[in-house]
PDB file of N, CA and C in Angstrom:
ATOM      1  N   MET A   1       0.659  -1.328  -0.289  1.00  0.00           N
ATOM      2  CA  MET A   1      -0.101   0.000   0.108  1.00  0.00           C
ATOM      3  C   MET A   1       0.914   1.278   0.089  1.00  0.00           C
ATOM      4  N   ASP A   2       0.568   2.223  -1.232  1.00  0.00           N
ATOM      5  CA  ASP A   2       1.504   3.605  -1.015  1.00  0.00           C
ATOM      6  C   ASP A   2       1.228   4.640  -0.205  1.00  0.00           C
ATOM      7  N   THR A   3       1.365   5.572   0.209  1.00  0.00           N
ATOM      8  CA  THR A   3       0.772   6.705   1.235  1.00  0.00           C
ATOM      9  C   THR A   3      -0.200   7.237   0.770  1.00  0.00           C
ATOM     10  N   GLY A   4      -0.481   7.358  -0.890  1.00  0.00           N
ATOM     11  CA  GLY A   4      -2.194   7.870  -1.094  1.00  0.00           C
ATOM     12  C   GLY A   4      -3.032   6.676  -0.820  1.00  0.00           C
ATOM     13  N   GLU A   5      -2.474   5.372  -0.536  1.00  0.00           N
ATOM     14  CA  GLU A   5      -3.662   4.177  -0.210  1.00  0.00           C
ATOM     15  C   GLU A   5      -3.532   4.337   0.945  1.00  0.00           C
ATOM     16  N   ALA A   6      -2.417   4.480   1.721  1.00  0.00           N
ATOM     17  CA  ALA A   6      -2.618   4.540   3.104  1.00  0.00           C
ATOM     18  C   ALA A   6      -3.609   5.383   3.771  1.00  0.00           C
ATOM     19  N   ASN A   7      -3.400   6.582   2.762  1.00  0.00           N
ATOM     20  CA  ASN A   7      -4.221   8.153   3.736  1.00  0.00           C
ATOM     21  C   ASN A   7      -5.432   7.356   3.266  1.00  0.00           C
ATOM     22  N   GLU A   8      -5.978   7.145   2.009  1.00  0.00           N
ATOM     23  CA  GLU A   8      -7.449   6.252   1.800  1.00  0.00           C
ATOM     24  C   GLU A   8      -7.899   5.308   2.685  1.00  0.00           C
ATOM     25  N   ALA A   9      -7.066   4.578   3.185  1.00  0.00           N
ATOM     26  CA  ALA A   9      -7.492   3.498   4.022  1.00  0.00           C
ATOM     27  C   ALA A   9      -7.737   3.869   5.486  1.00  0.00           C
ATOM     28  N   LEU A  10      -6.841   5.207   5.848  1.00  0.00           N
ATOM     29  CA  LEU A  10      -6.915   5.691   7.340  1.00  0.00           C
ATOM     30  C   LEU A  10      -8.015   6.573   7.222  1.00  0.00           C
ATOM     31  N   SER A  11      -8.672   7.195   5.911  1.00  0.00           N
ATOM     32  CA  SER A  11      -9.525   7.890   6.101  1.00  0.00           C
ATOM     33  C   SER A  11     -10.995   7.084   6.071  1.00  0.00           C
ATOM     34  N   ALA A  12     -11.126   6.138   5.722  1.00  0.00           N
ATOM     35  CA  ALA A  12     -12.233   5.191   5.817  1.00  0.00           C
ATOM     36  C   ALA A  12     -12.107   4.564   7.138  1.00  0.00           C
ATOM     37  N   TRP A  13     -10.891   4.414   7.928  1.00  0.00           N
ATOM     38  CA  TRP A  13     -10.921   3.913   9.373  1.00  0.00           C
ATOM     39  C   TRP A  13     -10.528   5.380  10.745  1.00  0.00           C
ATOM     40  N   ALA A  14     -10.974   6.378   9.962  1.00  0.00           N
ATOM     41  CA  ALA A  14     -10.737   7.616  10.894  1.00  0.00           C
ATOM     42  C   ALA A  14     -11.348   7.795  12.181  1.00  0.00           C
ATOM     43  N   ALA A  15     -12.365   6.888  12.508  1.00  0.00           N
ATOM     44  CA  ALA A  15     -13.082   6.584  13.316  1.00  0.00           C
ATOM     45  C   ALA A  15     -12.808   5.367  14.676  1.00  0.00           C
ATOM     46  N   LEU A  16     -12.126   4.750  14.361  1.00  0.00           N
ATOM     47  CA  LEU A  16     -11.278   3.844  14.717  1.00  0.00           C
ATOM     48  C   LEU A  16     -10.259   4.382  15.529  1.00  0.00           C
ATOM     49  N   PRO A  17     -10.472   3.450  17.102  1.00  0.00           N
ATOM     50  CA  PRO A  17      -9.780   3.889  18.276  1.00  0.00           C
ATOM     51  C   PRO A  17      -7.926   3.873  17.760  1.00  0.00           C
ATOM     52  N   GLY A  18      -7.016   5.003  18.085  1.00  0.00           N
ATOM     53  CA  GLY A  18      -5.834   5.120  17.662  1.00  0.00           C
ATOM     54  C   GLY A  18      -5.629   5.710  16.252  1.00  0.00           C
ATOM     55  N   ALA A  19      -6.285   5.846  15.265  1.00  0.00           N
ATOM     56  CA  ALA A  19      -6.279   6.025  14.084  1.00  0.00           C
ATOM     57  C   ALA A  19      -5.695   7.519  13.800  1.00  0.00           C
ATOM     58  N   ASP A  20      -5.794   8.279  14.995  1.00  0.00           N
ATOM     59  CA  ASP A  20      -4.900   9.460  15.263  1.00  0.00           C
ATOM     60  C   ASP A  20      -3.738   9.310  14.919  1.00  0.00           C
ATOM     61  N   LEU A  21      -3.465   8.483  15.734  1.00  0.00           N
ATOM     62  CA  LEU A  21      -1.590   8.323  16.577  1.00  0.00           C
ATOM     63  C   LEU A  21      -1.442   7.676  14.488  1.00  0.00           C
ATOM     64  N   VAL A  22      -1.502   6.534  14.393  1.00  0.00           N
ATOM     65  CA  VAL A  22      -1.396   6.092  13.213  1.00  0.00           C
ATOM     66  C   VAL A  22      -1.187   6.888  12.244  1.00  0.00           C
ATOM     67  N   ARG A  23      -1.923   7.879  12.108  1.00  0.00           N
ATOM     68  CA  ARG A  23      -2.175   8.796  10.863  1.00  0.00           C
ATOM     69  C   ARG A  23      -0.882   9.971  11.030  1.00  0.00           C
ATOM     70  N   LYS A  24      -0.538  10.171  12.167  1.00  0.00           N
ATOM     71  CA  LYS A  24       0.248  11.300  12.507  1.00  0.00           C
ATOM     72  C   LYS A  24       1.670  10.610  12.290  1.00  0.00           C
ATOM     73  N   GLY A  25       2.003   9.564  13.058  1.00  0.00           N
ATOM     74  CA  GLY A  25       2.948   8.290  12.690  1.00  0.00           C
ATOM     75  C   GLY A  25       3.516   8.031  11.523  1.00  0.00           C
ATOM     76  N   LEU A  26       2.616   7.707  10.651  1.00  0.00           N
ATOM     77  CA  LEU A  26       2.524   7.577   9.189  1.00  0.00           C
ATOM     78  C   LEU A  26       3.518   8.763   8.206  1.00  0.00           C
ATOM     79  N   HIS A  27       2.547   9.680   8.532  1.00  0.00           N
ATOM     80  CA  HIS A  27       3.072  11.068   8.009  1.00  0.00           C
ATOM     81  C   HIS A  27       4.580  11.660   8.693  1.00  0.00           C
ATOM     82  N   ASP A  28       4.590  11.434   9.670  1.00  0.00           N
ATOM     83  CA  ASP A  28       6.259  11.587  10.626  1.00  0.00           C
ATOM     84  C   ASP A  28       7.366  10.975   9.826  1.00  0.00           C
ATOM     85  N   LEU A  29       7.227   9.750   9.441  1.00  0.00           N
ATOM     86  CA  LEU A  29       7.800   8.867   9.253  1.00  0.00           C
ATOM     87  C   LEU A  29       8.312   9.087   7.683  1.00  0.00           C
ATOM     88  N   VAL A  30       7.317   9.624   6.559  1.00  0.00           N
ATOM     89  CA  VAL A  30       7.317   9.950   5.550  1.00  0.00           C
ATOM     90  C   VAL A  30       8.218  11.010   5.491  1.00  0.00           C
ATOM     91  N   LEU A  31       8.427  12.064   6.428  1.00  0.00           N
ATOM     92  CA  LEU A  31       9.002  12.981   6.376  1.00  0.00           C
ATOM     93  C   LEU A  31      10.285  12.938   7.406  1.00  0.00           C
ATOM     94  N   GLY A  32      10.362  11.918   7.561  1.00  0.00           N
ATOM     95  CA  GLY A  32      11.884  11.455   8.273  1.00  0.00           C
ATOM     96  C   GLY A  32      12.219  12.116   9.562  1.00  0.00           C
ATOM     97  N   GLU A  33      11.044  12.141  10.285  1.00  0.00           N
ATOM     98  CA  GLU A  33      10.821  12.803  11.795  1.00  0.00           C
ATOM     99  C   GLU A  33      10.448  12.432  12.791  1.00  0.00           C
ATOM    100  N   GLU A  34      11.379  12.224  14.077  1.00  0.00           N
ATOM    101  CA  GLU A  34      11.063  11.059  14.881  1.00  0.00           C
ATOM    102  C   GLU A  34      10.385  11.845  15.968  1.00  0.00           C
ATOM    103  N   SER A  35       8.977  11.315  16.183  1.00  0.00           N
ATOM    104  CA  SER A  35       8.088  11.429  17.097  1.00  0.00           C
ATOM    105  C   SER A  35       7.719  10.498  17.974  1.00  0.00           C
ATOM    106  N   ASN A  36       6.872  10.816  18.993  1.00  0.00           N
ATOM    107  CA  ASN A  36       5.871   9.597  19.561  1.00  0.00           C
ATOM    108  C   ASN A  36       5.337   8.344  19.021  1.00  0.00           C
ATOM    109  N   GLU A  37       4.763   9.241  17.821  1.00  0.00           N
ATOM    110  CA  GLU A  37       3.840   8.459  16.820  1.00  0.00           C
ATOM    111  C   GLU A  37       4.435   7.620  15.931  1.00  0.00           C
ATOM    112  N   SER A  38       5.683   8.229  15.243  1.00  0.00           N
ATOM    113  CA  SER A  38       6.303   7.677  14.674  1.00  0.00           C
ATOM    114  C   SER A  38       6.846   6.319  15.108  1.00  0.00           C
ATOM    115  N   LEU A  39       7.361   6.932  16.254  1.00  0.00           N
ATOM    116  CA  LEU A  39       8.287   5.662  16.972  1.00  0.00           C
ATOM    117  C   LEU A  39       7.200   4.110  17.217  1.00  0.00           C
ATOM    118  N   LEU A  40       5.827   4.811  17.709  1.00  0.00           N
ATOM    119  CA  LEU A  40       4.723   3.777  17.531  1.00  0.00           C
ATOM    120  C   LEU A  40       4.564   2.885  16.720  1.00  0.00           C
ATOM    121  N   VAL A  41       4.440   3.704  15.654  1.00  0.00           N
ATOM    122  CA  VAL A  41       3.817   2.912  14.000  1.00  0.00           C
ATOM    123  C   VAL A  41       5.375   2.137  13.911  1.00  0.00           C
ATOM    124  N   GLU A  42       6.161   2.589  13.967  1.00  0.00           N
ATOM    125  CA  GLU A  42       7.545   1.704  14.105  1.00  0.00           C
ATOM    126  C   GLU A  42       7.400   0.037  14.763  1.00  0.00           C
ATOM    127  N   ILE A  43       7.132   0.925  16.162  1.00  0.00           N
ATOM    128  CA  ILE A  43       6.936  -0.727  16.932  1.00  0.00           C
ATOM    129  C   ILE A  43       5.432  -1.572  16.434  1.00  0.00           C
ATOM    130  N   GLY A  44       4.631  -1.094  16.111  1.00  0.00           N
ATOM    131  CA  GLY A  44       3.499  -1.903  15.225  1.00  0.00           C
ATOM    132  C   GLY A  44       3.657  -1.922  14.227  1.00  0.00           C
ATOM    133  N   ALA A  45       4.798  -1.859  13.225  1.00  0.00           N
ATOM    134  CA  ALA A  45       5.216  -2.106  11.827  1.00  0.00           C
ATOM    135  C   ALA A  45       4.760  -3.618  11.607  1.00  0.00           C
ATOM    136  N   SER A  46       4.743  -4.229  12.199  1.00  0.00           N
ATOM    137  CA  SER A  46       4.348  -6.014  11.778  1.00  0.00           C
ATOM    138  C   SER A  46       2.859  -6.216  11.441  1.00  0.00           C
ATOM    139  N   ARG A  47       2.292  -5.630  12.403  1.00  0.00           N
ATOM    140  CA  ARG A  47       0.976  -5.812  12.554  1.00  0.00           C
ATOM    141  C   ARG A  47      -0.082  -4.862  11.607  1.00  0.00           C
ATOM    142  N   LEU A  48       0.664  -3.633  11.460  1.00  0.00           N
ATOM    143  CA  LEU A  48       0.065  -2.246  10.485  1.00  0.00           C
ATOM    144  C   LEU A  48       0.638  -2.962   9.169  1.00  0.00           C
ATOM    145  N   GLY A  49       1.694  -4.010   8.713  1.00  0.00           N
ATOM    146  CA  GLY A  49       1.704  -4.661   7.536  1.00  0.00           C
ATOM    147  C   GLY A  49       0.594  -5.369   7.106  1.00  0.00           C
ATOM    148  N   GLN A  50       0.032  -6.270   8.045  1.00  0.00           N
ATOM    149  CA  GLN A  50      -0.561  -7.295   8.014  1.00  0.00           C
ATOM    150  C   GLN A  50      -2.039  -6.615   7.432  1.00  0.00           C
ATOM    151  N   LEU A  51      -2.303  -5.133   7.805  1.00  0.00           N
ATOM    152  CA  LEU A  51      -3.567  -4.794   7.529  1.00  0.00           C
ATOM    153  C   LEU A  51      -2.906  -3.913   6.097  1.00  0.00           C
ATOM    154  N   GLY A  52      -1.714  -3.555   5.516  1.00  0.00           N
ATOM    155  CA  GLY A  52      -1.210  -3.647   4.052  1.00  0.00           C
ATOM    156  C   GLY A  52      -0.623  -2.523   4.005  1.00  0.00           C
ATOM    157  N   PHE A  53      -0.252  -1.844   5.381  1.00  0.00           N
ATOM    158  CA  PHE A  53       0.797  -0.521   5.345  1.00  0.00           C
ATOM    159  C   PHE A  53       1.932  -1.157   5.177  1.00  0.00           C
ATOM    160  N   GLU A  54       2.815  -0.242   4.316  1.00  0.00           N
ATOM    161  CA  GLU A  54       4.287  -0.348   4.252  1.00  0.00           C
ATOM    162  C   GLU A  54       4.871   0.253   4.984  1.00  0.00           C
ATOM    163  N   ILE A  55       5.485   0.052   5.761  1.00  0.00           N
ATOM    164  CA  ILE A  55       6.116   0.748   6.802  1.00  0.00           C
ATOM    165  C   ILE A  55       7.912   0.392   6.460  1.00  0.00           C
ATOM    166  N   GLU A  56       8.515   2.002   5.950  1.00  0.00           N
ATOM    167  CA  GLU A  56       9.766   1.364   5.663  1.00  0.00           C
ATOM    168  C   GLU A  56      10.504   1.346   7.355  1.00  0.00           C
ATOM    169  N   ARG A  57      11.451   0.515   7.653  1.00  0.00           N
ATOM    170  CA  ARG A  57      12.324   0.275   8.985  1.00  0.00           C
ATOM    171  C   ARG A  57      12.812   1.276   9.151  1.00  0.00           C
ATOM    172  N   SER A  58      13.305   2.178  10.123  1.00  0.00           N
ATOM    173  CA  SER A  58      14.426   3.251  10.133  1.00  0.00           C
ATOM    174  C   SER A  58      15.543   2.474  10.954  1.00  0.00           C
ATOM    175  N   PRO A  59      16.760   3.083  10.887  1.00  0.00           N
ATOM    176  CA  PRO A  59      17.778   2.469  11.510  1.00  0.00           C
ATOM    177  C   PRO A  59      17.770   2.295  12.896  1.00  0.00           C
ATOM    178  N   ARG A  60      16.699   2.736  13.723  1.00  0.00           N
ATOM    179  CA  ARG A  60      16.739   2.611  15.159  1.00  0.00           C
ATOM    180  C   ARG A  60      16.384   1.352  15.454  1.00  0.00           C
ATOM    181  N   GLU A  61      17.672   1.084  16.394  1.00  0.00           N
ATOM    182  CA  GLU A  61      17.361  -0.341  16.740  1.00  0.00           C
ATOM    183  C   GLU A  61      16.043  -0.859  17.646  1.00  0.00           C
ATOM    184  N   SER A  62      16.228   0.425  18.550  1.00  0.00           N
ATOM    185  CA  SER A  62      14.951  -0.294  19.229  1.00  0.00           C
ATOM    186  C   SER A  62      13.644   0.719  19.331  1.00  0.00           C
ATOM    187  N   PRO A  63      13.051   0.888  18.497  1.00  0.00           N
ATOM    188  CA  PRO A  63      11.745   1.997  18.437  1.00  0.00           C
ATOM    189  C   PRO A  63      11.177   1.753  20.246  1.00  0.00           C
ATOM    190  N   ALA A  64      10.775   0.899  20.477  1.00  0.00           N
ATOM    191  CA  ALA A  64      10.041   0.988  21.830  1.00  0.00           C
ATOM    192  C   ALA A  64      10.739   1.724  22.731  1.00  0.00           C
ATOM    193  N   HIS A  65      12.525   0.994  22.826  1.00  0.00           N
ATOM    194  CA  HIS A  65      13.184   1.827  23.849  1.00  0.00           C
ATOM    195  C   HIS A  65      13.274   3.530  23.723  1.00  0.00           C
ATOM    196  N   GLN A  66      13.430   4.303  22.549  1.00  0.00           N
ATOM    197  CA  GLN A  66      13.114   5.118  22.384  1.00  0.00           C
ATOM    198  C   GLN A  66      11.888   5.954  22.860  1.00  0.00           C
ATOM    199  N   LEU A  67      10.768   5.322  22.415  1.00  0.00           N
ATOM    200  CA  LEU A  67       9.530   6.038  22.789  1.00  0.00           C
ATOM    201  C   LEU A  67       9.581   5.993  24.029  1.00  0.00           C
ATOM    202  N   PHE A  68       9.898   5.039  24.883  1.00  0.00           N
ATOM    203  CA  PHE A  68       9.793   5.058  26.509  1.00  0.00           C
ATOM    204  C   PHE A  68      10.932   6.336  27.103  1.00  0.00           C
ATOM    205  N   LEU A  69      11.861   6.414  26.250  1.00  0.00           N
ATOM    206  CA  LEU A  69      12.926   7.413  26.458  1.00  0.00           C
ATOM    207  C   LEU A  69      12.658   8.688  26.808  1.00  0.00           C
ATOM    208  N   ARG A  70      11.867   8.812  25.547  1.00  0.00           N
ATOM    209  CA  ARG A  70      11.197  10.399  25.005  1.00  0.00           C
ATOM    210  C   ARG A  70       9.870  10.890  25.953  1.00  0.00           C
ATOM    211  N   LEU A  71       9.291   9.246  26.158  1.00  0.00           N
ATOM    212  CA  LEU A  71       8.162  10.362  27.344  1.00  0.00           C
ATOM    213  C   LEU A  71       8.858  10.156  28.499  1.00  0.00           C
ATOM    214  N   ALA A  72       9.798   9.422  29.097  1.00  0.00           N
ATOM    215  CA  ALA A  72      10.385  10.020  30.215  1.00  0.00           C
ATOM    216  C   ALA A  72      11.142  11.323  30.229  1.00  0.00           C
ATOM    217  N   GLU A  73      11.561  11.671  29.130  1.00  0.00           N
ATOM    218  CA  GLU A  73      12.247  12.948  28.956  1.00  0.00           C
ATOM    219  C   GLU A  73      10.801  13.821  29.478  1.00  0.00           C
ATOM    220  N   GLU A  74       9.650  13.556  28.789  1.00  0.00           N
ATOM    221  CA  GLU A  74       8.605  15.091  29.170  1.00  0.00           C
ATOM    222  C   GLU A  74       8.010  14.544  30.333  1.00  0.00           C
ATOM    223  N   ASP A  75       7.836  13.326  31.088  1.00  0.00           N
ATOM    224  CA  ASP A  75       7.707  13.315  32.099  1.00  0.00           C
ATOM    225  C   ASP A  75       7.788  11.930  32.748  1.00  0.00           C
ATOM    226  N   PRO A  76       8.652  12.016  33.821  1.00  0.00           N
ATOM    227  CA  PRO A  76       9.235  11.052  34.383  1.00  0.00           C
ATOM    228  C   PRO A  76       8.259  10.352  35.128  1.00  0.00           C
ATOM    229  N   ARG A  77       7.639  10.464  35.786  1.00  0.00           N
ATOM    230  CA  ARG A  77       6.821  10.007  36.886  1.00  0.00           C
ATOM    231  C   ARG A  77       5.611   8.893  35.875  1.00  0.00           C
ATOM    232  N   ARG A  78       5.039   9.797  34.873  1.00  0.00           N
ATOM    233  CA  ARG A  78       3.880   9.127  33.774  1.00  0.00           C
ATOM    234  C   ARG A  78       4.423   8.244  32.940  1.00  0.00           C
ATOM    235  N   ALA A  79       5.653   8.347  32.550  1.00  0.00           N
ATOM    236  CA  ALA A  79       6.518   7.690  31.181  1.00  0.00           C
ATOM    237  C   ALA A  79       6.118   6.173  31.021  1.00  0.00           C
ATOM    238  N   HIS A  80       5.747   5.634  32.082  1.00  0.00           N
ATOM    239  CA  HIS A  80       5.212   3.723  32.314  1.00  0.00           C
ATOM    240  C   HIS A  80       3.683   3.652  31.740  1.00  0.00           C
ATOM    241  N   SER A  81       3.090   4.482  32.663  1.00  0.00           N
ATOM    242  CA  SER A  81       1.679   4.497  32.003  1.00  0.00           C
ATOM    243  C   SER A  81       1.196   5.087  30.608  1.00  0.00           C
ATOM    244  N   ARG A  82       1.925   6.047  30.415  1.00  0.00           N
ATOM    245  CA  ARG A  82       1.695   7.063  28.724  1.00  0.00           C
ATOM    246  C   ARG A  82       2.459   5.808  28.097  1.00  0.00           C
ATOM    247  N   TYR A  83       3.283   5.595  28.303  1.00  0.00           N
ATOM    248  CA  TYR A  83       3.703   3.933  27.111  1.00  0.00           C
ATOM    249  C   TYR A  83       2.640   3.071  27.055  1.00  0.00           C
ATOM    250  N   ASN A  84       2.240   2.470  27.734  1.00  0.00           N
ATOM    251  CA  ASN A  84       1.359   1.678  27.668  1.00  0.00           C
ATOM    252  C   ASN A  84       0.125   1.735  27.286  1.00  0.00           C
ATOM    253  N   ALA A  85      -0.686   2.774  27.412  1.00  0.00           N
ATOM    254  CA  ALA A  85      -1.428   3.651  26.970  1.00  0.00           C
ATOM    255  C   ALA A  85      -1.447   3.620  25.617  1.00  0.00           C
ATOM    256  N   LEU A  86      -0.355   4.518  24.919  1.00  0.00           N
ATOM    257  CA  LEU A  86      -0.086   4.435  23.913  1.00  0.00           C
ATOM    258  C   LEU A  86       0.249   3.037  23.015  1.00  0.00           C
ATOM    259  N   LEU A  87       0.365   2.058  23.748  1.00  0.00           N
ATOM    260  CA  LEU A  87       0.366   0.681  23.089  1.00  0.00           C
ATOM    261  C   LEU A  87      -1.009  -0.024  23.322  1.00  0.00           C
ATOM    262  N   ARG A  88      -1.600   0.332  23.978  1.00  0.00           N
ATOM    263  CA  ARG A  88      -2.855  -0.212  23.610  1.00  0.00           C
ATOM    264  C   ARG A  88      -3.718   0.344  22.653  1.00  0.00           C
ATOM    265  N   ARG A  89      -3.522   1.939  22.519  1.00  0.00           N
ATOM    266  CA  ARG A  89      -4.367   2.146  21.610  1.00  0.00           C
ATOM    267  C   ARG A  89      -3.935   1.804  20.173  1.00  0.00           C
ATOM    268  N   LEU A  90      -2.496   1.497  19.989  1.00  0.00           N
ATOM    269  CA  LEU A  90      -2.229   0.883  18.804  1.00  0.00           C
ATOM    270  C   LEU A  90      -2.776  -0.396  18.456  1.00  0.00           C
ATOM    271  N   VAL A  91      -2.857  -1.360  19.380  1.00  0.00           N
ATOM    272  CA  VAL A  91      -3.302  -2.743  19.246  1.00  0.00           C
ATOM    273  C   VAL A  91      -4.927  -2.571  19.134  1.00  0.00           C
ATOM    274  N   SER A  92      -5.466  -1.172  19.994  1.00  0.00           N
ATOM    275  CA  SER A  92      -7.086  -1.304  19.704  1.00  0.00           C
ATOM    276  C   SER A  92      -7.354  -0.834  18.220  1.00  0.00           C
ATOM    277  N   PHE A  93      -6.392  -0.068  17.663  1.00  0.00           N
ATOM    278  CA  PHE A  93      -6.356   0.174  16.307  1.00  0.00           C
ATOM    279  C   PHE A  93      -6.493  -1.019  15.165  1.00  0.00           C
ATOM    280  N   HIS A  94      -5.231  -1.713  15.571  1.00  0.00           N
ATOM    281  CA  HIS A  94      -5.188  -2.936  14.663  1.00  0.00           C
ATOM    282  C   HIS A  94      -6.269  -4.058  14.799  1.00  0.00           C
ATOM    283  N   HIS A  95      -6.894  -4.438  15.966  1.00  0.00           N
ATOM    284  CA  HIS A  95      -7.989  -5.115  16.297  1.00  0.00           C
ATOM    285  C   HIS A  95      -9.356  -4.760  15.347  1.00  0.00           C
ATOM    286  N   ALA A  96      -9.953  -3.478  15.889  1.00  0.00           N
ATOM    287  CA  ALA A  96     -10.762  -2.867  15.126  1.00  0.00           C
ATOM    288  C   ALA A  96     -10.561  -2.480  13.599  1.00  0.00           C
ATOM    289  N   ALA A  97      -9.702  -2.145  13.074  1.00  0.00           N
ATOM    290  CA  ALA A  97      -9.145  -2.524  11.360  1.00  0.00           C
ATOM    291  C   ALA A  97      -9.525  -3.549  11.022  1.00  0.00           C
ATOM    292  N   ARG A  98      -9.219  -4.729  11.732  1.00  0.00           N
ATOM    293  CA  ARG A  98      -9.040  -6.316  11.541  1.00  0.00           C
ATOM    294  C   ARG A  98     -10.984  -6.658  11.564  1.00  0.00           C
ATOM    295  N   CYS A  99     -11.120  -5.873  12.198  1.00  0.00           N
ATOM    296  CA  CYS A  99     -12.631  -6.349  12.148  1.00  0.00           C
ATOM    297  C   CYS A  99     -13.741  -5.542  10.924  1.00  0.00           C
ATOM    298  N   VAL A 100     -13.206  -4.314  10.575  1.00  0.00           N
ATOM    299  CA  VAL A 100     -13.717  -3.245   9.566  1.00  0.00           C
ATOM    300  C   VAL A 100     -13.317  -3.950   8.058  1.00  0.00           C
ATOM    301  N   ARG A 101     -12.486  -4.134   7.961  1.00  0.00           N
ATOM    302  CA  ARG A 101     -12.018  -4.903   7.039  1.00  0.00           C
ATOM    303  C   ARG A 101     -12.425  -5.376   5.813  1.00  0.00           C
TER     304      ARG A 101
END
């Protein structure tokens, strides 16, 4: 699925939980920007690939670790709960998208 198809699929899935994170993450990856959302999309690349999204892997060794470090820099006391919440939203998107596919 190319970027145009990915945007079309995301438009169809805009109401699904986590779609906002996936859309921003895909956009940031295309721009080469490291954001919480782009790292989250990298974490879920294999599952998103099952939905037809083509996600180029970055040279980062561990996007999960990088995401946690970013969250810890923003708010050390809430980093763990924010990290888990982001992962839950990604999983929710994947499950919901599989159901409506």
